[in-house]
Structure formats: structure tokens, C-alpha cells
Amino acid sequence: MEAIKSNTINDHKLKEETVIKRILSGEKELYEILVRRNNQKLYRVIRSYLKDEAEIEDVMQNSYIKAYTKLYQFNLESQFSTWLIRIAINEALAALRKKGKMLYLNNYSPTTDDVLVMEIPDRKNLNPQEKMAQKETKQLLEQAIDQLELKYRTVYIMKEVEEMSLKEIAAALEISLANVKIRLHRSKEMLKETLYRLSNNTAVFEFGFSRCDRLTEAVMKGI
């Protein structure tokens, strides 16, 4: 199936539940709406597990196709993105297992430290020098996030970058709400010394328009 060549599809006003019901009724072309709405979030989550860009896109595509084939099993009372992320995480872990990397995602160390309050930088009206500095600090932040342990990196990106709720993260990772809070706190502690004022930058690990179009087209051809 050809992807719809329109930038307006990402701004589609159809509710998620309506889109899914119509897809299940035979309008499979509407699956593109779900793909485009979730590309950025899915990329960032999988990027927590994998570093190779081609491998990330393969996992994304496989996850979308698997979600499409199992869409009839989706519970409309929850969010599609949470269900999709769980599929994608399993795909990413499978890719890592093929490489012989063993992951222990449910281990954590409790901490009684106070919860951090992170400052959000003002990115309005920047001059060229400030924009260059911001680009450099964004790259530094991405490097720092990459150095976090997987269990902390994933929670940090889901909450601070993708702004998912704690309940959504707990559901996607299948861990307790308390565990999510602990991992989030620990991730901030690990980053705060050098990136304290920049740790809420939501512009990291962007999945740009051309990549979004290419992946969406590949998914729609595969279903």
C-alpha cells in the first residue's frame, strides 16, 4: 500500500479510537495516521536500546507491522502508543539477544535522596551564537544520555523527552510505579552535574521529516 503523500495527515483530527475502529473495519490506509503520530516517540524509545540507525528503523518497521497484524487484540481503553511501545521494546530486546547481550532491566537500587527540580532553558529569541551553543549542548546531552544504564536511559527518555506519564511508562515497561520513580530520579542524579539546566531539552534524538516519510511508506507497503 502506498503511503499518503500529504503533510496534513499528521494533523488529522480523527480520534485514535475512531481511527483504529475504521482500520479494523477495512480502511487499512488509515494506519498511516497511527504511524506518523507515533514515529518520533517510538524512535526515541527504541534509541534507548539500540544505537545503529538502520537497526532502529528495522525494529520500528517490524513493530508497526506486528502491531497492525495484532490490532484486533488491542484494548481500546488504553493508549495505542503504550501498547505499541511494549511491542517495540520486545523487538529491540530480541535484536539485542541476537547480539548476545544479556539485559537485566528489572534490577534497581533504592534511594532516599530528594527529588530533583529540573530547570527548563528559555529557547526563545536566541541569537546565532546562542543557537550554536544550544546545538552543542544538545549533542552533549545526547552523549550523556547514551552513557546512562539502559534501565535509567529508557525511563528518562520516556518521561523527560517524550513526556509520557509515569503510569504509561510503568505499563509500557511492565514495572511498578515506584520503580519508575526510582529510575527517573537516579537518571537525573547521574546527569545533573554537567547537564542540570539542560536535562529537559525535548529536541534530542529527533526523527526528521524525510526519515518519517521513508519509514511510514515502508510500513504501509508492508501491511
C-alpha atoms as a PDB file:
ATOM      1  CA  MET A   1       0.000   0.000   0.000  1.00  0.00           C
ATOM      2  CA  GLU A   2       1.295   3.429  -0.933  1.00  0.00           C
ATOM      3  CA  ALA A   3       1.727   5.996   1.824  1.00  0.00           C
ATOM      4  CA  ILE A   4      -0.405   9.111   1.529  1.00  0.00           C
ATOM      5  CA  LYS A   5       1.716  11.948   0.129  1.00  0.00           C
ATOM      6  CA  SER A   6       0.384  14.650   2.405  1.00  0.00           C
ATOM      7  CA  ASN A   7       1.873  16.550   5.322  1.00  0.00           C
ATOM      8  CA  THR A   8      -1.591  17.265   6.662  1.00  0.00           C
ATOM      9  CA  ILE A   9      -2.153  13.676   7.737  1.00  0.00           C
ATOM     10  CA  ASN A  10      -0.060  14.256  10.853  1.00  0.00           C
ATOM     11  CA  ASP A  11      -2.577  16.937  11.898  1.00  0.00           C
ATOM     12  CA  HIS A  12      -5.555  14.676  11.302  1.00  0.00           C
ATOM     13  CA  LYS A  13      -8.375  15.437  13.735  1.00  0.00           C
ATOM     14  CA  LEU A  14      -9.705  11.886  13.935  1.00  0.00           C
ATOM     15  CA  LYS A  15      -9.627  10.453  17.442  1.00  0.00           C
ATOM     16  CA  GLU A  16      -7.354   7.467  17.950  1.00  0.00           C
ATOM     17  CA  GLU A  17     -10.235   5.163  18.839  1.00  0.00           C
ATOM     18  CA  THR A  18     -12.083   6.164  15.668  1.00  0.00           C
ATOM     19  CA  VAL A  19      -9.002   5.588  13.519  1.00  0.00           C
ATOM     20  CA  ILE A  20      -8.451   2.120  14.972  1.00  0.00           C
ATOM     21  CA  LYS A  21     -12.086   1.094  14.566  1.00  0.00           C
ATOM     22  CA  ARG A  22     -12.052   2.215  10.942  1.00  0.00           C
ATOM     23  CA  ILE A  23      -8.812   0.336  10.255  1.00  0.00           C
ATOM     24  CA  LEU A  24     -10.311  -2.816  11.731  1.00  0.00           C
ATOM     25  CA  SER A  25     -13.364  -2.253   9.524  1.00  0.00           C
ATOM     26  CA  GLY A  26     -11.185  -2.376   6.424  1.00  0.00           C
ATOM     27  CA  GLU A  27      -9.770   1.128   5.947  1.00  0.00           C
ATOM     28  CA  LYS A  28      -6.181  -0.045   6.316  1.00  0.00           C
ATOM     29  CA  GLU A  29      -4.843   3.122   4.662  1.00  0.00           C
ATOM     30  CA  LEU A  30      -5.693   4.987   7.866  1.00  0.00           C
ATOM     31  CA  TYR A  31      -2.938   3.060   9.659  1.00  0.00           C
ATOM     32  CA  GLU A  32      -0.603   5.716   8.270  1.00  0.00           C
ATOM     33  CA  ILE A  33      -2.138   8.164  10.725  1.00  0.00           C
ATOM     34  CA  LEU A  34      -1.056   5.999  13.661  1.00  0.00           C
ATOM     35  CA  VAL A  35       2.406   5.516  12.178  1.00  0.00           C
ATOM     36  CA  ARG A  36       3.039   9.225  11.690  1.00  0.00           C
ATOM     37  CA  ARG A  37       1.631  10.131  15.096  1.00  0.00           C
ATOM     38  CA  ASN A  38       3.958   7.695  16.855  1.00  0.00           C
ATOM     39  CA  ASN A  39       7.177   7.782  14.781  1.00  0.00           C
ATOM     40  CA  GLN A  40       9.002  10.299  16.955  1.00  0.00           C
ATOM     41  CA  LYS A  41       8.084   8.687  20.253  1.00  0.00           C
ATOM     42  CA  LEU A  42       8.810   5.169  19.034  1.00  0.00           C
ATOM     43  CA  TYR A  43      12.176   6.195  17.605  1.00  0.00           C
ATOM     44  CA  ARG A  44      13.291   7.758  20.867  1.00  0.00           C
ATOM     45  CA  VAL A  45      12.257   4.747  22.936  1.00  0.00           C
ATOM     46  CA  ILE A  46      13.999   2.258  20.653  1.00  0.00           C
ATOM     47  CA  ARG A  47      17.014   4.591  20.544  1.00  0.00           C
ATOM     48  CA  SER A  48      17.309   3.889  24.272  1.00  0.00           C
ATOM     49  CA  TYR A  49      18.098   0.264  23.435  1.00  0.00           C
ATOM     50  CA  LEU A  50      19.870   0.388  20.092  1.00  0.00           C
ATOM     51  CA  LYS A  51      22.427   2.771  18.593  1.00  0.00           C
ATOM     52  CA  ASP A  52      22.630   1.662  14.968  1.00  0.00           C
ATOM     53  CA  GLU A  53      20.225   3.831  12.955  1.00  0.00           C
ATOM     54  CA  ALA A  54      19.458   1.180  10.325  1.00  0.00           C
ATOM     55  CA  GLU A  55      18.730  -1.351  13.048  1.00  0.00           C
ATOM     56  CA  ILE A  56      16.473   1.121  14.835  1.00  0.00           C
ATOM     57  CA  GLU A  57      14.434   1.689  11.692  1.00  0.00           C
ATOM     58  CA  ASP A  58      14.157  -2.065  11.119  1.00  0.00           C
ATOM     59  CA  VAL A  59      12.801  -2.522  14.642  1.00  0.00           C
ATOM     60  CA  MET A  60      10.381   0.362  14.148  1.00  0.00           C
ATOM     61  CA  GLN A  61       9.088  -1.091  10.901  1.00  0.00           C
ATOM     62  CA  ASN A  62       8.761  -4.594  12.351  1.00  0.00           C
ATOM     63  CA  SER A  63       6.956  -3.206  15.393  1.00  0.00           C
ATOM     64  CA  TYR A  64       4.433  -1.300  13.300  1.00  0.00           C
ATOM     65  CA  ILE A  65       3.723  -4.301  11.107  1.00  0.00           C
ATOM     66  CA  LYS A  66       3.352  -6.599  14.097  1.00  0.00           C
ATOM     67  CA  ALA A  67       1.042  -4.077  15.771  1.00  0.00           C
ATOM     68  CA  TYR A  68      -1.058  -3.917  12.600  1.00  0.00           C
ATOM     69  CA  THR A  69      -1.417  -7.688  12.357  1.00  0.00           C
ATOM     70  CA  LYS A  70      -2.412  -7.873  16.040  1.00  0.00           C
ATOM     71  CA  LEU A  71      -4.517  -4.703  16.071  1.00  0.00           C
ATOM     72  CA  TYR A  72      -7.689  -6.714  16.698  1.00  0.00           C
ATOM     73  CA  GLN A  73      -6.177  -7.646  20.087  1.00  0.00           C
ATOM     74  CA  PHE A  74      -5.685  -4.017  21.134  1.00  0.00           C
ATOM     75  CA  ASN A  75      -7.737  -2.826  24.109  1.00  0.00           C
ATOM     76  CA  LEU A  76      -9.303   0.481  23.130  1.00  0.00           C
ATOM     77  CA  GLU A  77      -9.439   1.524  26.787  1.00  0.00           C
ATOM     78  CA  SER A  78      -5.669   2.121  26.798  1.00  0.00           C
ATOM     79  CA  GLN A  79      -3.415   4.236  24.566  1.00  0.00           C
ATOM     80  CA  PHE A  80      -2.169   2.751  21.312  1.00  0.00           C
ATOM     81  CA  SER A  81       1.292   4.259  21.876  1.00  0.00           C
ATOM     82  CA  THR A  82       1.745   2.359  25.157  1.00  0.00           C
ATOM     83  CA  TRP A  83       0.776  -0.928  23.524  1.00  0.00           C
ATOM     84  CA  LEU A  84       2.990  -0.181  20.512  1.00  0.00           C
ATOM     85  CA  ILE A  85       5.976   0.647  22.725  1.00  0.00           C
ATOM     86  CA  ARG A  86       5.673  -2.679  24.521  1.00  0.00           C
ATOM     87  CA  ILE A  87       5.823  -4.449  21.162  1.00  0.00           C
ATOM     88  CA  ALA A  88       8.812  -2.331  20.114  1.00  0.00           C
ATOM     89  CA  ILE A  89      10.702  -2.986  23.346  1.00  0.00           C
ATOM     90  CA  ASN A  90      10.280  -6.731  22.844  1.00  0.00           C
ATOM     91  CA  GLU A  91      11.566  -6.344  19.291  1.00  0.00           C
ATOM     92  CA  ALA A  92      14.551  -4.307  20.490  1.00  0.00           C
ATOM     93  CA  LEU A  93      15.369  -6.839  23.207  1.00  0.00           C
ATOM     94  CA  ALA A  94      15.162  -9.629  20.650  1.00  0.00           C
ATOM     95  CA  ALA A  95      17.658  -7.736  18.479  1.00  0.00           C
ATOM     96  CA  LEU A  96      19.997  -7.380  21.442  1.00  0.00           C
ATOM     97  CA  ARG A  97      19.686 -11.053  22.336  1.00  0.00           C
ATOM     98  CA  LYS A  98      20.783 -11.932  18.810  1.00  0.00           C
ATOM     99  CA  LYS A  99      23.945  -9.989  19.538  1.00  0.00           C
ATOM    100  CA  GLY A 100      24.464 -11.975  22.723  1.00  0.00           C
ATOM    101  CA  LYS A 101      23.831  -9.038  25.024  1.00  0.00           C
ATOM    102  CA  MET A 102      22.036 -10.042  28.218  1.00  0.00           C
ATOM    103  CA  LEU A 103      19.905  -7.344  29.814  1.00  0.00           C
ATOM    104  CA  TYR A 104      18.640  -7.203  33.374  1.00  0.00           C
ATOM    105  CA  LEU A 105      16.051  -4.473  33.208  1.00  0.00           C
ATOM    106  CA  ASN A 106      14.255  -5.063  36.483  1.00  0.00           C
ATOM    107  CA  ASN A 107      17.201  -4.608  38.825  1.00  0.00           C
ATOM    108  CA  TYR A 108      17.352  -1.308  40.661  1.00  0.00           C
ATOM    109  CA  SER A 109      18.857   0.251  43.762  1.00  0.00           C
ATOM    110  CA  PRO A 110      16.500   2.181  46.073  1.00  0.00           C
ATOM    111  CA  THR A 111      17.467   5.713  47.053  1.00  0.00           C
ATOM    112  CA  THR A 112      16.120   8.150  49.632  1.00  0.00           C
ATOM    113  CA  ASP A 113      17.550  11.298  48.033  1.00  0.00           C
ATOM    114  CA  ASP A 114      15.245  14.264  47.489  1.00  0.00           C
ATOM    115  CA  VAL A 115      13.513  14.520  44.143  1.00  0.00           C
ATOM    116  CA  LEU A 116      15.292  16.863  41.756  1.00  0.00           C
ATOM    117  CA  VAL A 117      13.704  20.004  40.390  1.00  0.00           C
ATOM    118  CA  MET A 118      14.978  20.490  36.846  1.00  0.00           C
ATOM    119  CA  GLU A 119      15.125  23.882  35.157  1.00  0.00           C
ATOM    120  CA  ILE A 120      13.812  24.377  31.640  1.00  0.00           C
ATOM    121  CA  PRO A 121      16.009  26.633  29.461  1.00  0.00           C
ATOM    122  CA  ASP A 122      14.392  29.541  27.651  1.00  0.00           C
ATOM    123  CA  ARG A 123      14.951  28.850  23.940  1.00  0.00           C
ATOM    124  CA  LYS A 124      13.092  31.886  22.551  1.00  0.00           C
ATOM    125  CA  ASN A 125      14.748  34.697  20.623  1.00  0.00           C
ATOM    126  CA  LEU A 126      18.214  33.165  20.538  1.00  0.00           C
ATOM    127  CA  ASN A 127      20.982  34.919  18.618  1.00  0.00           C
ATOM    128  CA  PRO A 128      23.272  32.905  16.259  1.00  0.00           C
ATOM    129  CA  GLN A 129      25.881  32.363  18.976  1.00  0.00           C
ATOM    130  CA  GLU A 130      23.266  31.126  21.408  1.00  0.00           C
ATOM    131  CA  LYS A 131      21.788  28.804  18.794  1.00  0.00           C
ATOM    132  CA  MET A 132      25.215  27.322  18.128  1.00  0.00           C
ATOM    133  CA  ALA A 133      25.773  26.857  21.851  1.00  0.00           C
ATOM    134  CA  GLN A 134      22.387  25.199  22.154  1.00  0.00           C
ATOM    135  CA  LYS A 135      23.221  22.790  19.334  1.00  0.00           C
ATOM    136  CA  GLU A 136      26.460  21.860  21.080  1.00  0.00           C
ATOM    137  CA  THR A 137      24.755  21.363  24.423  1.00  0.00           C
ATOM    138  CA  LYS A 138      22.065  19.214  22.775  1.00  0.00           C
ATOM    139  CA  GLN A 139      24.801  16.984  21.371  1.00  0.00           C
ATOM    140  CA  LEU A 140      26.405  16.845  24.803  1.00  0.00           C
ATOM    141  CA  LEU A 141      23.080  15.887  26.348  1.00  0.00           C
ATOM    142  CA  GLU A 142      22.561  13.101  23.834  1.00  0.00           C
ATOM    143  CA  GLN A 143      26.033  11.748  24.624  1.00  0.00           C
ATOM    144  CA  ALA A 144      25.342  11.929  28.354  1.00  0.00           C
ATOM    145  CA  ILE A 145      22.010  10.123  27.974  1.00  0.00           C
ATOM    146  CA  ASP A 146      23.718   7.408  25.921  1.00  0.00           C
ATOM    147  CA  GLN A 147      26.079   6.789  28.838  1.00  0.00           C
ATOM    148  CA  LEU A 148      23.249   6.004  31.245  1.00  0.00           C
ATOM    149  CA  GLU A 149      22.472   2.389  32.030  1.00  0.00           C
ATOM    150  CA  LEU A 150      19.674   1.083  29.837  1.00  0.00           C
ATOM    151  CA  LYS A 151      17.043   0.864  32.591  1.00  0.00           C
ATOM    152  CA  TYR A 152      17.641   4.516  33.522  1.00  0.00           C
ATOM    153  CA  ARG A 153      18.080   5.765  29.956  1.00  0.00           C
ATOM    154  CA  THR A 154      14.764   4.318  28.820  1.00  0.00           C
ATOM    155  CA  VAL A 155      12.740   5.814  31.665  1.00  0.00           C
ATOM    156  CA  TYR A 156      14.463   9.178  31.297  1.00  0.00           C
ATOM    157  CA  ILE A 157      13.691   9.451  27.586  1.00  0.00           C
ATOM    158  CA  MET A 158      10.102   8.323  28.050  1.00  0.00           C
ATOM    159  CA  LYS A 159       9.404  10.849  30.818  1.00  0.00           C
ATOM    160  CA  GLU A 160      11.653  13.873  30.255  1.00  0.00           C
ATOM    161  CA  VAL A 161      11.950  13.789  26.470  1.00  0.00           C
ATOM    162  CA  GLU A 162       8.674  12.209  25.331  1.00  0.00           C
ATOM    163  CA  GLU A 163       6.702  13.477  28.345  1.00  0.00           C
ATOM    164  CA  MET A 164       4.898  10.198  28.915  1.00  0.00           C
ATOM    165  CA  SER A 165       3.107   9.854  32.243  1.00  0.00           C
ATOM    166  CA  LEU A 166       4.565   7.671  34.983  1.00  0.00           C
ATOM    167  CA  LYS A 167       1.622   5.300  34.624  1.00  0.00           C
ATOM    168  CA  GLU A 168       2.194   4.983  30.871  1.00  0.00           C
ATOM    169  CA  ILE A 169       5.871   4.201  31.444  1.00  0.00           C
ATOM    170  CA  ALA A 170       5.063   1.605  34.103  1.00  0.00           C
ATOM    171  CA  ALA A 171       2.590  -0.055  31.730  1.00  0.00           C
ATOM    172  CA  ALA A 172       4.975   0.003  28.772  1.00  0.00           C
ATOM    173  CA  LEU A 173       7.900  -1.434  30.739  1.00  0.00           C
ATOM    174  CA  GLU A 174       5.726  -3.683  32.902  1.00  0.00           C
ATOM    175  CA  ILE A 175       7.294  -2.475  36.136  1.00  0.00           C
ATOM    176  CA  SER A 176       5.827  -0.847  39.232  1.00  0.00           C
ATOM    177  CA  LEU A 177       5.094   2.869  39.505  1.00  0.00           C
ATOM    178  CA  ALA A 178       7.543   3.089  42.415  1.00  0.00           C
ATOM    179  CA  ASN A 179      10.240   1.503  40.278  1.00  0.00           C
ATOM    180  CA  VAL A 180       9.635   4.070  37.523  1.00  0.00           C
ATOM    181  CA  LYS A 181      10.008   6.916  40.030  1.00  0.00           C
ATOM    182  CA  ILE A 182      13.245   5.477  41.381  1.00  0.00           C
ATOM    183  CA  ARG A 183      14.767   5.021  37.935  1.00  0.00           C
ATOM    184  CA  LEU A 184      13.732   8.517  36.881  1.00  0.00           C
ATOM    185  CA  HIS A 185      15.296  10.031  39.974  1.00  0.00           C
ATOM    186  CA  ARG A 186      18.503   8.060  39.533  1.00  0.00           C
ATOM    187  CA  SER A 187      18.784   9.064  35.874  1.00  0.00           C
ATOM    188  CA  LYS A 188      18.543  12.741  36.821  1.00  0.00           C
ATOM    189  CA  GLU A 189      21.132  12.299  39.537  1.00  0.00           C
ATOM    190  CA  MET A 190      23.527  10.795  37.008  1.00  0.00           C
ATOM    191  CA  LEU A 191      23.046  13.689  34.603  1.00  0.00           C
ATOM    192  CA  LYS A 192      22.750  16.688  36.900  1.00  0.00           C
ATOM    193  CA  GLU A 193      26.411  17.605  37.454  1.00  0.00           C
ATOM    194  CA  THR A 194      27.076  18.648  33.857  1.00  0.00           C
ATOM    195  CA  LEU A 195      23.588  18.951  32.381  1.00  0.00           C
ATOM    196  CA  TYR A 196      21.433  20.241  35.229  1.00  0.00           C
ATOM    197  CA  ARG A 197      19.855  23.140  33.375  1.00  0.00           C
ATOM    198  CA  LEU A 198      19.526  21.299  30.071  1.00  0.00           C
ATOM    199  CA  SER A 199      18.060  17.968  31.150  1.00  0.00           C
ATOM    200  CA  ASN A 200      14.524  18.787  29.977  1.00  0.00           C
ATOM    201  CA  ASN A 201      15.558  19.518  26.379  1.00  0.00           C
ATOM    202  CA  THR A 202      12.839  17.830  24.260  1.00  0.00           C
ATOM    203  CA  ALA A 203      14.714  18.311  20.972  1.00  0.00           C
ATOM    204  CA  VAL A 204      17.087  15.347  21.328  1.00  0.00           C
ATOM    205  CA  PHE A 205      17.015  12.222  19.150  1.00  0.00           C
ATOM    206  CA  GLU A 206      14.767  13.763  16.518  1.00  0.00           C
ATOM    207  CA  PHE A 207      13.227  11.549  13.849  1.00  0.00           C
ATOM    208  CA  GLY A 208      13.131  14.055  10.981  1.00  0.00           C
ATOM    209  CA  PHE A 209      10.523  14.548   8.267  1.00  0.00           C
ATOM    210  CA  SER A 210      12.304  12.660   5.466  1.00  0.00           C
ATOM    211  CA  ARG A 211      13.020   9.680   7.730  1.00  0.00           C
ATOM    212  CA  CYS A 212       9.440   9.773   8.972  1.00  0.00           C
ATOM    213  CA  ASP A 213       8.161   9.708   5.381  1.00  0.00           C
ATOM    214  CA  ARG A 214      10.506   6.878   4.372  1.00  0.00           C
ATOM    215  CA  LEU A 215       9.639   4.664   7.343  1.00  0.00           C
ATOM    216  CA  THR A 216       5.922   5.365   7.023  1.00  0.00           C
ATOM    217  CA  GLU A 217       5.998   4.390   3.352  1.00  0.00           C
ATOM    218  CA  ALA A 218       7.870   1.176   4.160  1.00  0.00           C
ATOM    219  CA  VAL A 219       5.346   0.254   6.848  1.00  0.00           C
ATOM    220  CA  MET A 220       2.367   0.921   4.605  1.00  0.00           C
ATOM    221  CA  LYS A 221       3.900  -1.214   1.840  1.00  0.00           C
ATOM    222  CA  GLY A 222       4.472  -3.999   4.338  1.00  0.00           C
ATOM    223  CA  ILE A 223       0.919  -4.285   5.612  1.00  0.00           C
END
